[in-house]
C-alpha atoms as a PDB file:
ATOM      1  CA  MET A   1      -0.046  -0.087  -0.029  1.00  0.00           C
ATOM      2  CA  GLY A   2       1.039   3.587  -0.955  1.00  0.00           C
ATOM      3  CA  PRO A   3       1.550   6.540   1.140  1.00  0.00           C
ATOM      4  CA  GLU A   4      -0.993   8.324  -0.289  1.00  0.00           C
ATOM      5  CA  ARG A   5      -3.327   5.304   0.291  1.00  0.00           C
ATOM      6  CA  SER A   6      -2.468   4.887   3.827  1.00  0.00           C
ATOM      7  CA  VAL A   7      -3.159   8.224   4.617  1.00  0.00           C
ATOM      8  CA  THR A   8      -6.484   8.127   3.309  1.00  0.00           C
ATOM      9  CA  ARG A   9      -7.204   5.066   5.088  1.00  0.00           C
ATOM     10  CA  ASP A  10      -6.186   6.902   8.351  1.00  0.00           C
ATOM     11  CA  ARG A  11      -8.264   9.801   7.311  1.00  0.00           C
ATOM     12  CA  GLU A  12     -11.431   7.549   6.590  1.00  0.00           C
ATOM     13  CA  ARG A  13     -10.991   5.628  10.044  1.00  0.00           C
ATOM     14  CA  PHE A  14     -10.685   8.564  11.797  1.00  0.00           C
ATOM     15  CA  GLU A  15     -13.870  10.619  10.258  1.00  0.00           C
ATOM     16  CA  LEU A  16     -16.085   7.266  10.588  1.00  0.00           C
ATOM     17  CA  HIS A  17     -14.883   6.714  14.455  1.00  0.00           C
ATOM     18  CA  THR A  18     -15.387  10.512  14.966  1.00  0.00           C
ATOM     19  CA  PHE A  19     -18.941  10.178  13.585  1.00  0.00           C
ATOM     20  CA  GLU A  20     -20.085   7.408  15.910  1.00  0.00           C
ATOM     21  CA  GLN A  21     -19.226   9.758  18.535  1.00  0.00           C
ATOM     22  CA  ALA A  22     -21.455  12.257  17.521  1.00  0.00           C
ATOM     23  CA  ILE A  23     -24.173  10.238  17.360  1.00  0.00           C
ATOM     24  CA  GLU A  24     -23.589   8.744  20.914  1.00  0.00           C
ATOM     25  CA  TRP A  25     -23.176  12.684  21.735  1.00  0.00           C
ATOM     26  CA  VAL A  26     -26.552  13.651  19.967  1.00  0.00           C
ATOM     27  CA  MET A  27     -28.647  10.899  21.390  1.00  0.00           C
ATOM     28  CA  ASP A  28     -27.278  11.507  24.909  1.00  0.00           C
ATOM     29  CA  ALA A  29     -28.475  15.333  23.877  1.00  0.00           C
ATOM     30  CA  GLY A  30     -31.909  14.386  22.912  1.00  0.00           C
ATOM     31  CA  ARG A  31     -32.090  12.251  26.338  1.00  0.00           C
ATOM     32  CA  MET A  32     -31.309  15.949  28.385  1.00  0.00           C
ATOM     33  CA  ILE A  33     -33.800  17.633  26.248  1.00  0.00           C
ATOM     34  CA  LYS A  34     -36.471  15.152  27.087  1.00  0.00           C
ATOM     35  CA  GLU A  35     -36.157  14.882  30.592  1.00  0.00           C
ATOM     36  CA  LYS A  36     -35.715  19.182  30.574  1.00  0.00           C
ATOM     37  CA  ILE A  37     -39.563  18.964  28.914  1.00  0.00           C
ATOM     38  CA  ASP A  38     -40.479  16.829  31.163  1.00  0.00           C
ATOM     39  CA  ALA A  39     -39.628  18.212  34.610  1.00  0.00           C
ATOM     40  CA  ASN A  40     -40.950  21.807  34.157  1.00  0.00           C
ATOM     41  CA  PRO A  41     -42.065  24.458  32.018  1.00  0.00           C
ATOM     42  CA  ILE A  42     -39.013  25.532  29.712  1.00  0.00           C
ATOM     43  CA  SER A  43     -38.017  29.420  30.189  1.00  0.00           C
ATOM     44  CA  PHE A  44     -36.977  31.543  27.410  1.00  0.00           C
ATOM     45  CA  GLU A  45     -35.658  34.779  26.473  1.00  0.00           C
ATOM     46  CA  THR A  46     -36.035  37.021  23.027  1.00  0.00           C
ATOM     47  CA  LYS A  47     -32.773  37.336  20.669  1.00  0.00           C
ATOM     48  CA  THR A  48     -33.003  39.703  17.580  1.00  0.00           C
ATOM     49  CA  SER A  49     -37.420  40.279  17.980  1.00  0.00           C
ATOM     50  CA  HIS A  50     -40.785  38.391  19.765  1.00  0.00           C
ATOM     51  CA  SER A  51     -40.391  34.959  17.720  1.00  0.00           C
ATOM     52  CA  ASP A  52     -36.479  34.655  17.927  1.00  0.00           C
ATOM     53  CA  LEU A  53     -36.369  32.832  20.930  1.00  0.00           C
ATOM     54  CA  VAL A  54     -33.535  31.388  22.470  1.00  0.00           C
ATOM     55  CA  THR A  55     -33.885  28.957  25.930  1.00  0.00           C
ATOM     56  CA  GLU A  56     -31.548  27.827  28.625  1.00  0.00           C
ATOM     57  CA  VAL A  57     -31.899  24.125  27.116  1.00  0.00           C
ATOM     58  CA  ASP A  58     -30.890  25.642  23.578  1.00  0.00           C
ATOM     59  CA  ARG A  59     -27.710  26.963  25.524  1.00  0.00           C
ATOM     60  CA  LYS A  60     -26.654  23.998  27.543  1.00  0.00           C
ATOM     61  CA  VAL A  61     -27.496  21.191  24.672  1.00  0.00           C
ATOM     62  CA  GLU A  62     -24.722  23.454  22.865  1.00  0.00           C
ATOM     63  CA  SER A  63     -22.478  23.724  25.767  1.00  0.00           C
ATOM     64  CA  TRP A  64     -22.764  20.409  26.045  1.00  0.00           C
ATOM     65  CA  LEU A  65     -21.705  19.462  22.620  1.00  0.00           C
ATOM     66  CA  VAL A  66     -18.691  22.249  22.369  1.00  0.00           C
ATOM     67  CA  GLU A  67     -17.510  20.482  25.733  1.00  0.00           C
ATOM     68  CA  ARG A  68     -17.364  17.265  24.292  1.00  0.00           C
ATOM     69  CA  ILE A  69     -16.167  18.056  20.869  1.00  0.00           C
ATOM     70  CA  THR A  70     -13.024  20.311  22.675  1.00  0.00           C
ATOM     71  CA  MET A  71     -12.194  17.329  25.031  1.00  0.00           C
ATOM     72  CA  ASN A  72     -11.779  14.973  22.073  1.00  0.00           C
ATOM     73  CA  PHE A  73     -10.502  17.141  19.247  1.00  0.00           C
ATOM     74  CA  PRO A  74      -9.233  20.093  20.851  1.00  0.00           C
ATOM     75  CA  ASP A  75      -7.480  21.444  17.069  1.00  0.00           C
ATOM     76  CA  HIS A  76     -10.873  21.520  15.369  1.00  0.00           C
ATOM     77  CA  SER A  77     -12.979  24.852  14.699  1.00  0.00           C
ATOM     78  CA  ILE A  78     -16.439  25.260  15.972  1.00  0.00           C
ATOM     79  CA  LEU A  79     -19.482  27.132  14.281  1.00  0.00           C
ATOM     80  CA  GLY A  80     -22.532  26.956  16.717  1.00  0.00           C
ATOM     81  CA  GLU A  81     -25.950  29.268  16.773  1.00  0.00           C
ATOM     82  CA  GLU A  82     -25.511  30.702  20.177  1.00  0.00           C
ATOM     83  CA  ASN A  83     -22.120  31.432  20.008  1.00  0.00           C
ATOM     84  CA  ILE A  84     -20.996  29.112  23.165  1.00  0.00           C
ATOM     85  CA  ASN A  85     -17.068  28.905  22.577  1.00  0.00           C
ATOM     86  CA  ASN A  86     -16.768  28.908  18.749  1.00  0.00           C
ATOM     87  CA  ARG A  87     -13.313  29.255  17.640  1.00  0.00           C
ATOM     88  CA  THR A  88     -11.289  28.929  14.429  1.00  0.00           C
ATOM     89  CA  SER A  89      -8.209  27.027  14.212  1.00  0.00           C
ATOM     90  CA  SER A  90      -5.873  25.763  12.000  1.00  0.00           C
ATOM     91  CA  SER A  91      -7.357  22.783  11.448  1.00  0.00           C
ATOM     92  CA  GLU A  92      -9.019  21.191   8.182  1.00  0.00           C
ATOM     93  CA  TYR A  93     -12.137  20.436  10.334  1.00  0.00           C
ATOM     94  CA  LEU A  94     -15.254  22.552  11.078  1.00  0.00           C
ATOM     95  CA  TRP A  95     -18.047  21.485  13.646  1.00  0.00           C
ATOM     96  CA  ILE A  96     -21.177  23.392  11.995  1.00  0.00           C
ATOM     97  CA  ILE A  97     -23.793  23.006  15.214  1.00  0.00           C
ATOM     98  CA  ASP A  98     -27.398  24.230  16.166  1.00  0.00           C
ATOM     99  CA  PRO A  99     -28.522  23.273  19.047  1.00  0.00           C
ATOM    100  CA  ILE A 100     -32.334  23.104  18.795  1.00  0.00           C
ATOM    101  CA  ASP A 101     -33.636  23.847  15.183  1.00  0.00           C
ATOM    102  CA  GLY A 102     -37.218  24.969  16.146  1.00  0.00           C
ATOM    103  CA  THR A 103     -37.161  26.364  19.577  1.00  0.00           C
ATOM    104  CA  THR A 104     -40.511  28.218  19.333  1.00  0.00           C
ATOM    105  CA  ASN A 105     -42.300  24.213  18.560  1.00  0.00           C
ATOM    106  CA  MET A 106     -40.287  23.396  21.272  1.00  0.00           C
ATOM    107  CA  ILE A 107     -41.687  25.889  23.585  1.00  0.00           C
ATOM    108  CA  ASN A 108     -45.211  25.998  21.884  1.00  0.00           C
ATOM    109  CA  ARG A 109     -45.514  22.276  21.468  1.00  0.00           C
ATOM    110  CA  ASN A 110     -43.186  20.030  22.618  1.00  0.00           C
ATOM    111  CA  GLN A 111     -42.796  18.832  18.660  1.00  0.00           C
ATOM    112  CA  GLU A 112     -41.030  19.338  15.595  1.00  0.00           C
ATOM    113  CA  PHE A 113     -37.690  20.494  16.724  1.00  0.00           C
ATOM    114  CA  ALA A 114     -34.448  18.816  16.070  1.00  0.00           C
ATOM    115  CA  ILE A 115     -30.965  18.652  17.199  1.00  0.00           C
ATOM    116  CA  SER A 116     -28.392  19.475  13.882  1.00  0.00           C
ATOM    117  CA  ILE A 117     -24.757  18.849  13.805  1.00  0.00           C
ATOM    118  CA  ALA A 118     -22.345  18.345  10.543  1.00  0.00           C
ATOM    119  CA  LEU A 119     -19.047  18.410  10.063  1.00  0.00           C
ATOM    120  CA  CYS A 120     -16.913  19.827   6.937  1.00  0.00           C
ATOM    121  CA  THR A 121     -13.551  20.799   5.779  1.00  0.00           C
ATOM    122  CA  ALA A 122     -13.319  24.158   3.593  1.00  0.00           C
ATOM    123  CA  ASN A 123     -14.609  22.187   0.143  1.00  0.00           C
ATOM    124  CA  ARG A 124     -15.780  18.611   1.119  1.00  0.00           C
ATOM    125  CA  ALA A 125     -18.980  17.790   3.909  1.00  0.00           C
ATOM    126  CA  VAL A 126     -17.870  14.671   6.442  1.00  0.00           C
ATOM    127  CA  PHE A 127     -20.767  13.927   7.672  1.00  0.00           C
ATOM    128  CA  GLY A 128     -24.071  15.017   9.119  1.00  0.00           C
ATOM    129  CA  ILE A 129     -26.745  14.013  11.877  1.00  0.00           C
ATOM    130  CA  VAL A 130     -29.961  15.370  12.482  1.00  0.00           C
ATOM    131  CA  TYR A 131     -32.410  14.240  15.797  1.00  0.00           C
ATOM    132  CA  ASP A 132     -36.104  14.604  15.533  1.00  0.00           C
ATOM    133  CA  VAL A 133     -36.128  14.792  19.400  1.00  0.00           C
ATOM    134  CA  MET A 134     -39.922  13.769  19.742  1.00  0.00           C
ATOM    135  CA  GLY A 135     -40.207  11.737  16.577  1.00  0.00           C
ATOM    136  CA  ASP A 136     -37.521   9.723  18.149  1.00  0.00           C
ATOM    137  CA  LYS A 137     -35.725   9.766  13.994  1.00  0.00           C
ATOM    138  CA  LEU A 138     -32.487   9.755  13.740  1.00  0.00           C
ATOM    139  CA  PHE A 139     -30.957  11.109   9.846  1.00  0.00           C
ATOM    140  CA  ARG A 140     -27.746  10.516   9.306  1.00  0.00           C
ATOM    141  CA  ALA A 141     -25.199  10.444   6.572  1.00  0.00           C
ATOM    142  CA  VAL A 142     -21.364  10.252   6.061  1.00  0.00           C
ATOM    143  CA  LYS A 143     -20.270  11.923   2.826  1.00  0.00           C
ATOM    144  CA  GLY A 144     -19.998   8.822  -0.240  1.00  0.00           C
ATOM    145  CA  LYS A 145     -21.785   6.003   1.789  1.00  0.00           C
ATOM    146  CA  GLY A 146     -25.343   6.827   1.559  1.00  0.00           C
ATOM    147  CA  ALA A 147     -27.708   7.897   3.961  1.00  0.00           C
ATOM    148  CA  PHE A 148     -30.178   6.771   6.708  1.00  0.00           C
ATOM    149  CA  VAL A 149     -32.820   7.128   9.005  1.00  0.00           C
ATOM    150  CA  ASN A 150     -32.578   4.864  11.835  1.00  0.00           C
ATOM    151  CA  ASN A 151     -32.299   1.488  10.597  1.00  0.00           C
ATOM    152  CA  ARG A 152     -33.497   2.230   7.258  1.00  0.00           C
ATOM    153  CA  LYS A 153     -31.183   2.989   4.208  1.00  0.00           C
ATOM    154  CA  LEU A 154     -33.163   6.025   2.062  1.00  0.00           C
ATOM    155  CA  ASN A 155     -33.624   5.714  -1.356  1.00  0.00           C
ATOM    156  CA  ARG A 156     -32.251   8.339  -4.614  1.00  0.00           C
ATOM    157  CA  LEU A 157     -34.379  11.278  -4.738  1.00  0.00           C
ATOM    158  CA  PRO A 158     -36.829  10.333  -7.934  1.00  0.00           C
ATOM    159  CA  ASP A 159     -35.545  11.765 -11.575  1.00  0.00           C
ATOM    160  CA  ARG A 160     -38.282  14.043 -13.511  1.00  0.00           C
ATOM    161  CA  LEU A 161     -39.810  15.585 -10.992  1.00  0.00           C
ATOM    162  CA  LYS A 162     -42.043  18.568 -11.163  1.00  0.00           C
ATOM    163  CA  LEU A 163     -42.801  21.196  -9.023  1.00  0.00           C
ATOM    164  CA  GLU A 164     -46.568  21.215 -10.032  1.00  0.00           C
ATOM    165  CA  ASN A 165     -47.055  17.898  -8.245  1.00  0.00           C
ATOM    166  CA  GLU A 166     -44.752  19.025  -5.120  1.00  0.00           C
ATOM    167  CA  LEU A 167     -45.437  19.836  -1.678  1.00  0.00           C
ATOM    168  CA  ILE A 168     -42.496  22.915  -1.188  1.00  0.00           C
ATOM    169  CA  ALA A 169     -41.632  24.229   2.443  1.00  0.00           C
ATOM    170  CA  ILE A 170     -41.034  28.005   1.822  1.00  0.00           C
ATOM    171  CA  THR A 171     -40.144  30.657   4.334  1.00  0.00           C
ATOM    172  CA  LEU A 172     -41.820  34.417   2.946  1.00  0.00           C
ATOM    173  CA  PRO A 173     -40.107  37.970   4.210  1.00  0.00           C
ATOM    174  CA  TRP A 174     -43.454  39.058   5.398  1.00  0.00           C
ATOM    175  CA  HIS A 175     -41.317  42.005   6.176  1.00  0.00           C
ATOM    176  CA  ASN A 176     -40.898  43.270   3.011  1.00  0.00           C
ATOM    177  CA  ALA A 177     -44.440  43.172   0.980  1.00  0.00           C
ATOM    178  CA  GLU A 178     -42.747  43.623  -2.428  1.00  0.00           C
ATOM    179  CA  GLU A 179     -40.618  40.436  -2.189  1.00  0.00           C
ATOM    180  CA  CYS A 180     -42.626  38.401  -0.243  1.00  0.00           C
ATOM    181  CA  THR A 181     -45.238  38.883  -3.426  1.00  0.00           C
ATOM    182  CA  ALA A 182     -42.986  37.358  -5.601  1.00  0.00           C
ATOM    183  CA  TYR A 183     -42.392  34.724  -3.199  1.00  0.00           C
ATOM    184  CA  LEU A 184     -46.088  33.884  -3.661  1.00  0.00           C
ATOM    185  CA  ALA A 185     -46.259  34.375  -7.186  1.00  0.00           C
ATOM    186  CA  LEU A 186     -43.621  30.793  -6.856  1.00  0.00           C
ATOM    187  CA  VAL A 187     -46.177  29.080  -4.116  1.00  0.00           C
ATOM    188  CA  THR A 188     -48.847  28.948  -7.244  1.00  0.00           C
ATOM    189  CA  LYS A 189     -46.175  26.664  -9.273  1.00  0.00           C
ATOM    190  CA  ALA A 190     -46.113  24.455  -6.441  1.00  0.00           C
ATOM    191  CA  ARG A 191     -48.954  21.942  -5.785  1.00  0.00           C
ATOM    192  CA  GLY A 192     -49.078  23.238  -2.295  1.00  0.00           C
ATOM    193  CA  ILE A 193     -46.944  24.574   0.460  1.00  0.00           C
ATOM    194  CA  ARG A 194     -45.768  23.376   4.358  1.00  0.00           C
ATOM    195  CA  VAL A 195     -44.311  25.953   7.222  1.00  0.00           C
ATOM    196  CA  TYR A 196     -42.428  23.841   9.880  1.00  0.00           C
ATOM    197  CA  GLY A 197     -40.984  25.658  11.630  1.00  0.00           C
ATOM    198  CA  ALA A 198     -37.428  24.100  11.680  1.00  0.00           C
ATOM    199  CA  THR A 199     -35.260  24.069   8.900  1.00  0.00           C
ATOM    200  CA  THR A 200     -33.944  20.822   9.800  1.00  0.00           C
ATOM    201  CA  MET A 201     -37.266  19.009   9.808  1.00  0.00           C
ATOM    202  CA  GLU A 202     -38.232  20.391   6.437  1.00  0.00           C
ATOM    203  CA  LEU A 203     -35.270  19.678   4.562  1.00  0.00           C
ATOM    204  CA  CYS A 204     -35.286  15.750   6.457  1.00  0.00           C
ATOM    205  CA  ASP A 205     -39.125  15.324   4.919  1.00  0.00           C
ATOM    206  CA  ILE A 206     -37.357  15.920   1.327  1.00  0.00           C
ATOM    207  CA  ALA A 207     -35.136  12.895   1.767  1.00  0.00           C
ATOM    208  CA  LEU A 208     -38.760  11.282   3.386  1.00  0.00           C
ATOM    209  CA  ARG A 209     -40.621  12.539  -0.244  1.00  0.00           C
ATOM    210  CA  LYS A 210     -43.048  14.101   2.399  1.00  0.00           C
ATOM    211  CA  LEU A 211     -41.864  17.161   0.783  1.00  0.00           C
ATOM    212  CA  GLY A 212     -40.714  18.311  -2.917  1.00  0.00           C
ATOM    213  CA  ALA A 213     -38.228  21.048  -2.045  1.00  0.00           C
ATOM    214  CA  TYR A 214     -37.254  24.098   0.567  1.00  0.00           C
ATOM    215  CA  VAL A 215     -36.919  27.269  -0.266  1.00  0.00           C
ATOM    216  CA  GLN A 216     -35.793  30.209   2.432  1.00  0.00           C
ATOM    217  CA  TYR A 217     -34.682  33.899   1.306  1.00  0.00           C
ATOM    218  CA  ASN A 218     -32.653  33.865   4.818  1.00  0.00           C
ATOM    219  CA  VAL A 219     -30.886  30.876   6.473  1.00  0.00           C
ATOM    220  CA  LYS A 220     -27.767  30.316   8.788  1.00  0.00           C
ATOM    221  CA  ALA A 221     -25.421  27.712   8.091  1.00  0.00           C
ATOM    222  CA  TRP A 222     -25.771  26.062  11.459  1.00  0.00           C
ATOM    223  CA  ASP A 223     -29.476  25.636  10.026  1.00  0.00           C
ATOM    224  CA  TYR A 224     -29.165  23.517   6.854  1.00  0.00           C
ATOM    225  CA  ALA A 225     -25.685  22.088   6.831  1.00  0.00           C
ATOM    226  CA  ALA A 226     -26.257  19.018   8.012  1.00  0.00           C
ATOM    227  CA  SER A 227     -29.600  18.209   6.502  1.00  0.00           C
ATOM    228  CA  ARG A 228     -27.167  19.016   3.186  1.00  0.00           C
ATOM    229  CA  VAL A 229     -25.182  16.322   4.013  1.00  0.00           C
ATOM    230  CA  ILE A 230     -28.063  13.831   4.336  1.00  0.00           C
ATOM    231  CA  LEU A 231     -29.692  15.291   1.486  1.00  0.00           C
ATOM    232  CA  GLU A 232     -26.613  15.686  -1.221  1.00  0.00           C
ATOM    233  CA  GLU A 233     -26.067  11.495  -0.413  1.00  0.00           C
ATOM    234  CA  LEU A 234     -29.750  11.139  -2.088  1.00  0.00           C
ATOM    235  CA  GLY A 235     -29.317  13.462  -5.410  1.00  0.00           C
ATOM    236  CA  CYS A 236     -30.268  16.931  -3.857  1.00  0.00           C
ATOM    237  CA  LYS A 237     -29.095  20.082  -5.154  1.00  0.00           C
ATOM    238  CA  PHE A 238     -28.447  23.170  -3.157  1.00  0.00           C
ATOM    239  CA  SER A 239     -27.750  26.516  -3.896  1.00  0.00           C
ATOM    240  CA  ASP A 240     -28.133  29.978  -3.754  1.00  0.00           C
ATOM    241  CA  LEU A 241     -31.665  31.687  -4.996  1.00  0.00           C
ATOM    242  CA  GLN A 242     -29.668  32.380  -8.089  1.00  0.00           C
ATOM    243  CA  GLY A 243     -28.725  28.407  -8.851  1.00  0.00           C
ATOM    244  CA  ARG A 244     -25.066  29.184  -7.734  1.00  0.00           C
ATOM    245  CA  ASP A 245     -22.885  26.804  -5.645  1.00  0.00           C
ATOM    246  CA  ILE A 246     -22.641  27.709  -1.728  1.00  0.00           C
ATOM    247  CA  ASN A 247     -19.800  27.112   0.527  1.00  0.00           C
ATOM    248  CA  TRP A 248     -20.616  25.433   4.003  1.00  0.00           C
ATOM    249  CA  LEU A 249     -20.289  28.843   5.872  1.00  0.00           C
ATOM    250  CA  TYR A 250     -22.833  30.629   3.815  1.00  0.00           C
ATOM    251  CA  ASN A 251     -25.604  32.382   4.810  1.00  0.00           C
ATOM    252  CA  GLY A 252     -28.593  33.821   2.864  1.00  0.00           C
ATOM    253  CA  GLY A 253     -31.120  32.710   0.308  1.00  0.00           C
ATOM    254  CA  VAL A 254     -31.272  28.495  -0.130  1.00  0.00           C
ATOM    255  CA  VAL A 255     -32.922  26.166  -2.359  1.00  0.00           C
ATOM    256  CA  ALA A 256     -32.979  23.132  -1.679  1.00  0.00           C
ATOM    257  CA  ALA A 257     -34.533  20.128  -4.234  1.00  0.00           C
ATOM    258  CA  PRO A 258     -33.911  17.348  -6.416  1.00  0.00           C
ATOM    259  CA  PRO A 259     -32.337  18.708 -10.081  1.00  0.00           C
ATOM    260  CA  GLU A 260     -35.398  19.068 -11.893  1.00  0.00           C
ATOM    261  CA  VAL A 261     -37.593  21.076  -9.437  1.00  0.00           C
ATOM    262  CA  HIS A 262     -34.645  22.945  -8.767  1.00  0.00           C
ATOM    263  CA  GLY A 263     -34.485  24.225 -12.163  1.00  0.00           C
ATOM    264  CA  GLU A 264     -37.479  25.100 -12.345  1.00  0.00           C
ATOM    265  CA  ILE A 265     -37.689  26.712  -8.920  1.00  0.00           C
ATOM    266  CA  VAL A 266     -34.437  28.690  -9.727  1.00  0.00           C
ATOM    267  CA  GLY A 267     -36.147  29.767 -12.707  1.00  0.00           C
ATOM    268  CA  ALA A 268     -39.317  31.036 -11.714  1.00  0.00           C
ATOM    269  CA  LEU A 269     -37.492  33.388  -9.255  1.00  0.00           C
ATOM    270  CA  ASP A 270     -34.949  34.411 -11.610  1.00  0.00           C
ATOM    271  CA  LEU A 271     -38.511  35.993 -13.177  1.00  0.00           C
ATOM    272  CA  LEU A 272     -39.866  37.095  -9.978  1.00  0.00           C
ATOM    273  CA  LEU A 273     -37.253  38.753  -7.845  1.00  0.00           C
END
């Protein structure tokens, strides 16, 4: 075995072992959240508005995950939504964490929220994990090795889908009436829309074929990174609203859909926005 192949095998072993550790951490964090929900009403604070919330649980989960990453991989970079010990290092590896995607759902409904964690480098995904805590669904993928929900391998998304036959998840810019009108025109081209209030849940429902696309006018890297790894394993395309490729730290408008539906959406947005 040549030295280059040996390095590649060592890297693969390391990344697989890291993936298995991360699954354990996510499942433990899910149990912590369930205990909190069962024990007492969850207190919360507002961040940028009355609908942008953070709880003690968000902070506790992110802190707990960051502690485990730091203990095991002290040189890795970390980007978390709540900015708990975020850091940039010389390591090629970056962890992207959303401790609870769908905080408002957790507070108001005690369901439809998820823990999301991804590992990537500057130019490639390593793995993504999304745990639907109350639904007890663990979505996961290692780049190049397929995607799974619990113990079931997910099928690649079908070819030749049409937007007119699909339900899409879409988040509208309600603060901007003119821009919102353009998105509403896009809605008429789909069979219907669904709004969950949790990006990870919407994206993972594309993997389950419950939704056909996701359109968001402004999203953060931690909202979509883990789900993106999972969906790209199934043939889903991610881009900005103009159809351009996005990196793993991109923030802004996103379209995620199987290629033909993705093309229809980007083409419609190009005419409307």
